[in-house]
Protein backbone atom coordinates (compact mmCIF):
# COMPACT_ATOMS: atom_id res chain seq x y z
CA UNK A 1 75.52 -122.71 -7.65
CA UNK A 2 74.64 -119.42 -9.32
CA UNK A 3 76.23 -116.27 -8.00
CA UNK A 4 74.05 -113.70 -6.33
CA UNK A 5 74.04 -110.12 -7.59
CA UNK A 6 76.16 -108.72 -4.76
CA UNK A 7 78.87 -111.29 -5.47
CA UNK A 8 78.72 -110.55 -9.17
CA UNK A 9 78.90 -106.75 -8.67
CA UNK A 10 81.86 -107.13 -6.28
CA UNK A 11 83.64 -109.24 -8.95
CA UNK A 12 82.85 -106.66 -11.66
CA UNK A 13 84.39 -103.78 -9.65
CA UNK A 14 87.48 -105.82 -8.73
CA UNK A 15 87.86 -106.78 -12.36
CA UNK A 16 87.53 -103.14 -13.39
CA UNK A 17 90.45 -102.16 -11.14
CA UNK A 18 92.49 -105.08 -12.45
CA UNK A 19 91.71 -104.16 -16.08
CA UNK A 20 93.04 -100.60 -15.60
CA UNK A 21 96.49 -102.09 -14.85
CA UNK A 22 96.07 -104.57 -17.72
CA UNK A 23 95.68 -101.53 -20.00
CA UNK A 24 98.79 -99.95 -18.51
CA UNK A 25 100.76 -103.13 -19.27
CA UNK A 26 99.77 -102.92 -22.94
CA UNK A 27 101.03 -99.34 -23.38
CA UNK A 28 104.37 -98.05 -24.52
CA UNK A 29 107.07 -97.40 -21.93
CA UNK A 30 106.82 -93.65 -22.39
CA UNK A 31 103.17 -93.26 -21.33
CA UNK A 32 103.25 -96.08 -18.75
CA UNK A 33 103.94 -93.67 -15.81
CA UNK A 34 100.99 -91.47 -16.73
CA UNK A 35 98.55 -94.38 -17.27
CA UNK A 36 99.85 -96.15 -14.14
CA UNK A 37 99.02 -93.04 -12.04
CA UNK A 38 95.49 -92.98 -13.52
CA UNK A 39 95.03 -96.75 -12.93
CA UNK A 40 96.23 -96.43 -9.37
CA UNK A 41 93.86 -93.53 -8.70
CA UNK A 42 90.91 -95.38 -10.14
CA UNK A 43 91.74 -98.61 -8.30
CA UNK A 44 91.65 -96.78 -4.96
CA UNK A 45 87.96 -96.07 -5.68
CA UNK A 46 86.90 -99.26 -7.50
CA UNK A 47 88.42 -101.76 -5.02
CA UNK A 48 86.63 -100.25 -1.96
CA UNK A 49 83.33 -100.27 -3.94
CA UNK A 50 83.98 -103.93 -4.76
CA UNK A 51 84.64 -104.60 -1.04
CA UNK A 52 81.33 -102.90 -0.11
CA UNK A 53 79.38 -105.21 -2.49
CA UNK A 54 81.32 -108.19 -1.24
CA UNK A 55 80.32 -107.34 2.31
CA UNK A 56 76.65 -107.73 1.29
CA UNK A 57 77.15 -111.27 -0.07
CA UNK A 58 75.22 -112.43 3.00
CA UNK A 59 72.11 -111.12 1.30
CA UNK A 60 72.92 -113.45 -1.65
CA UNK A 61 72.97 -116.39 0.81
CA UNK A 62 69.80 -115.25 2.53
CA UNK A 63 67.99 -114.94 -0.79
CA UNK A 64 69.03 -118.50 -1.74
CA UNK A 65 67.57 -119.68 1.60
CA UNK A 66 64.39 -117.67 0.98
CA UNK A 67 63.99 -119.11 -2.51
CA UNK A 68 64.66 -122.62 -1.19
CA UNK A 69 61.89 -122.25 1.43
CA UNK A 70 59.45 -120.84 -1.08
CA UNK A 71 60.21 -123.49 -3.71
CA UNK A 72 59.87 -126.26 -1.07
CA UNK A 73 56.35 -125.23 -0.24
CA UNK A 74 55.56 -124.44 -3.88
CA UNK A 75 56.68 -127.91 -5.07
CA UNK A 76 54.69 -129.71 -2.37
CA UNK A 77 51.59 -127.67 -3.08
CA UNK A 78 52.01 -128.28 -6.85
CA UNK A 79 52.27 -132.09 -6.32
CA UNK A 80 49.30 -132.13 -4.00
CA UNK A 81 47.15 -130.28 -6.56
CA UNK A 82 48.01 -132.71 -9.35
CA UNK A 83 47.18 -135.73 -7.17
CA UNK A 84 43.73 -134.75 -5.95
CA UNK A 85 41.86 -136.92 -8.37
CA UNK A 86 44.13 -139.98 -7.90
CA UNK A 87 41.84 -141.67 -5.30
CA UNK A 88 39.09 -141.18 -2.75
CA UNK A 89 41.69 -140.70 0.01
CA UNK A 90 43.52 -138.14 -2.11
CA UNK A 91 40.21 -136.33 -2.81
CA UNK A 92 39.56 -136.05 0.97
CA UNK A 93 43.00 -135.39 2.32
CA UNK A 94 45.05 -133.41 -0.26
CA UNK A 95 42.80 -130.31 -0.25
CA UNK A 96 43.22 -130.21 3.55
CA UNK A 97 46.99 -130.42 3.13
CA UNK A 98 46.80 -127.55 0.63
CA UNK A 99 44.81 -125.41 3.09
CA UNK A 100 47.44 -126.03 5.71
CA UNK A 101 50.45 -125.46 3.42
CA UNK A 102 49.25 -122.30 1.69
CA UNK A 103 49.26 -120.09 4.84
CA UNK A 104 52.82 -121.42 5.49
CA UNK A 105 53.74 -120.44 1.99
CA UNK A 106 52.24 -116.99 2.52
CA UNK A 107 54.40 -116.53 5.64
CA UNK A 108 57.50 -117.31 3.57
CA UNK A 109 56.56 -114.46 1.20
CA UNK A 110 57.08 -111.90 3.95
CA UNK A 111 60.79 -112.66 3.97
CA UNK A 112 62.07 -109.87 1.67
CA UNK A 113 64.77 -110.63 -0.98
CA UNK A 114 67.44 -107.96 -1.49
CA UNK A 115 69.43 -110.12 -3.90
CA UNK A 116 68.95 -111.52 -7.37
CA UNK A 117 70.26 -115.06 -7.74
CA UNK A 118 69.43 -115.62 -11.39
CA UNK A 119 71.42 -113.36 -13.68
CA UNK A 120 70.59 -113.77 -17.36
CA UNK A 121 72.12 -111.97 -20.34
CA UNK A 122 68.71 -111.55 -22.06
CA UNK A 123 66.41 -109.49 -19.80
CA UNK A 124 63.36 -110.57 -21.86
CA UNK A 125 63.91 -114.17 -20.56
CA UNK A 126 63.53 -112.91 -16.96
CA UNK A 127 60.48 -110.75 -17.93
CA UNK A 128 58.75 -113.83 -19.44
CA UNK A 129 59.21 -115.76 -16.17
CA UNK A 130 56.20 -116.70 -14.12
CA UNK A 131 55.91 -114.87 -10.81
CA UNK A 132 55.36 -116.80 -7.58
CA UNK A 133 51.92 -115.34 -6.93
CA UNK A 134 50.67 -116.10 -10.41
CA UNK A 135 52.09 -119.64 -10.18
CA UNK A 136 50.39 -120.39 -6.85
CA UNK A 137 47.14 -118.94 -8.18
CA UNK A 138 47.31 -121.35 -11.15
CA UNK A 139 48.02 -124.24 -8.77
CA UNK A 140 45.09 -123.43 -6.50
CA UNK A 141 42.56 -123.20 -9.35
CA UNK A 142 43.89 -126.41 -10.78
CA UNK A 143 43.33 -128.08 -7.43
CA UNK A 144 39.69 -126.84 -7.38
CA UNK A 145 39.20 -128.17 -10.91
CA UNK A 146 40.70 -131.53 -10.02
CA UNK A 147 38.04 -131.94 -7.30
CA UNK A 148 35.29 -131.91 -9.91
CA UNK A 149 37.31 -134.07 -12.30
CA UNK A 150 37.22 -136.75 -9.52
CA UNK A 151 33.52 -136.23 -8.89
CA UNK A 152 32.63 -136.55 -12.54
CA UNK A 153 34.42 -139.89 -12.70
CA UNK A 154 32.98 -141.21 -9.47
CA UNK A 155 30.08 -143.77 -9.30
CA UNK A 156 26.59 -142.19 -9.56
CA UNK A 157 25.52 -143.02 -6.00
CA UNK A 158 28.63 -141.31 -4.63
CA UNK A 159 28.34 -138.12 -6.64
CA UNK A 160 25.94 -136.18 -4.24
CA UNK A 161 28.12 -136.91 -1.20
CA UNK A 162 31.33 -136.09 -3.11
CA UNK A 163 29.73 -132.96 -4.58
CA UNK A 164 29.05 -131.48 -1.08
CA UNK A 165 32.68 -132.10 -0.06
CA UNK A 166 33.93 -130.77 -3.43
CA UNK A 167 31.90 -127.58 -3.19
CA UNK A 168 33.09 -126.83 0.31
CA UNK A 169 36.77 -127.51 -0.59
CA UNK A 170 36.54 -125.55 -3.81
CA UNK A 171 35.05 -122.48 -2.06
CA UNK A 172 37.96 -122.46 0.41
CA UNK A 173 40.51 -122.94 -2.40
CA UNK A 174 38.91 -120.24 -4.60
CA UNK A 175 39.11 -117.79 -1.64
CA UNK A 176 42.84 -118.47 -1.42
CA UNK A 177 43.21 -118.23 -5.24
CA UNK A 178 41.39 -114.85 -5.23
CA UNK A 179 43.71 -113.57 -2.53
CA UNK A 180 46.72 -114.39 -4.73
CA UNK A 181 45.05 -112.59 -7.67
CA UNK A 182 45.37 -109.40 -5.62
CA UNK A 183 49.02 -110.14 -4.98
CA UNK A 184 49.94 -110.74 -8.64
CA UNK A 185 50.85 -107.00 -9.08
CA UNK A 186 53.73 -107.71 -6.73
CA UNK A 187 55.01 -110.20 -9.40
CA UNK A 188 54.96 -107.32 -11.92
CA UNK A 189 56.79 -104.94 -9.58
CA UNK A 190 59.30 -107.71 -8.81
CA UNK A 191 59.96 -108.23 -12.54
CA UNK A 192 60.52 -104.49 -12.94
CA UNK A 193 63.06 -104.41 -10.08
CA UNK A 194 64.70 -107.64 -11.34
CA UNK A 195 64.86 -106.34 -14.90
CA UNK A 196 66.55 -103.10 -13.85
CA UNK A 197 69.10 -104.99 -11.66
CA UNK A 198 69.99 -107.46 -14.39
CA UNK A 199 70.20 -104.74 -17.12
CA UNK A 200 72.55 -102.64 -15.06
CA UNK A 201 74.67 -105.66 -14.05
CA UNK A 202 75.02 -106.81 -17.72
CA UNK A 203 75.70 -103.20 -18.83
CA UNK A 204 78.53 -102.48 -16.37
CA UNK A 205 79.99 -105.97 -16.93
CA UNK A 206 80.40 -105.14 -20.65
CA UNK A 207 81.79 -101.72 -19.79
CA UNK A 208 84.51 -102.98 -17.48
CA UNK A 209 85.68 -105.58 -20.07
CA UNK A 210 86.49 -102.78 -22.59
CA UNK A 211 88.85 -101.10 -20.14
CA UNK A 212 91.58 -103.49 -21.17
CA UNK A 213 91.69 -102.43 -24.77
CA UNK A 214 90.28 -98.98 -25.39
CA UNK A 215 91.73 -95.69 -24.23
CA UNK A 216 88.28 -94.09 -23.95
CA UNK A 217 87.05 -96.92 -21.80
CA UNK A 218 90.25 -96.78 -19.70
CA UNK A 219 89.76 -93.04 -19.04
CA UNK A 220 85.96 -92.85 -18.54
CA UNK A 221 84.51 -96.22 -17.60
CA UNK A 222 85.86 -96.17 -14.06
CA UNK A 223 84.21 -92.77 -13.59
CA UNK A 224 80.90 -94.16 -14.97
CA UNK A 225 81.14 -97.17 -12.65
CA UNK A 226 81.79 -94.91 -9.71
CA UNK A 227 78.71 -92.78 -10.54
CA UNK A 228 76.65 -95.93 -10.95
CA UNK A 229 77.53 -97.17 -7.46
CA UNK A 230 74.98 -95.17 -5.43
CA UNK A 231 72.31 -95.79 -8.09
CA UNK A 232 72.90 -99.56 -8.00
CA UNK A 233 72.91 -99.56 -4.18
CA UNK A 234 69.55 -97.70 -4.10
CA UNK A 235 68.03 -100.25 -6.48
CA UNK A 236 69.41 -103.19 -4.55
CA UNK A 237 67.86 -102.08 -1.20
CA UNK A 238 64.32 -102.25 -2.71
CA UNK A 239 63.05 -105.59 -1.27
CA UNK A 240 61.37 -108.14 -3.51
CA UNK A 241 58.48 -110.20 -2.10
CA UNK A 242 58.22 -112.66 -4.91
CA UNK A 243 60.37 -115.08 -6.91
CA UNK A 244 60.35 -115.24 -10.66
CA UNK A 245 60.26 -118.82 -11.91
CA UNK A 246 62.42 -119.18 -15.05
CA UNK A 247 62.04 -122.35 -16.99
CA UNK A 248 65.38 -123.54 -18.34
């Protein structure tokens, strides 16, 4: 199971405190007292920050639950849309199932996500992901198209009857699809928030690793991490109302 961003940030700050003492251990005996005092001072700041992030791990869990709910509805809706042209019964029933499930999916969107559960090293991978609103829009229009795929393959005598049903269903589906077009900008906002979160997480992760080996990193990185703390916290409290779907 992937770590959420609060868990990762807590780990980074704990590791930063640990790495300051690792640096002390690699120094000569003469300067150990001086570096030990610095490491001790920094750790009294870094460890509490790590504890604060760790306290918010519950948001990582809640985000996993939110994603699970959204993906549950999204997967069912996706399967229903692909199966519309399988049979006459599918043609009649599956659009109705979609019309019932889509409002439930919309309700799941109003559960905000304060965490990021998919941390990647390359931010461009995340930025290329498909947002939930765009994905559901694609599924709905596919479902409307599948209605007419079935009608075109039906016997000639059945086509007028099926066309009436298909037009009614497609109008309803297109209305839903249009609604999600207006929500697609939330995907873009979500990607921006996600990109900033991931970039900062990757950046400070690299910073804290260098504390072990470089005097400049030992002296200044803990200060940078401390200054970043309120900035990161402000970014994390911006809720996300969409999920970016990354294809692995």
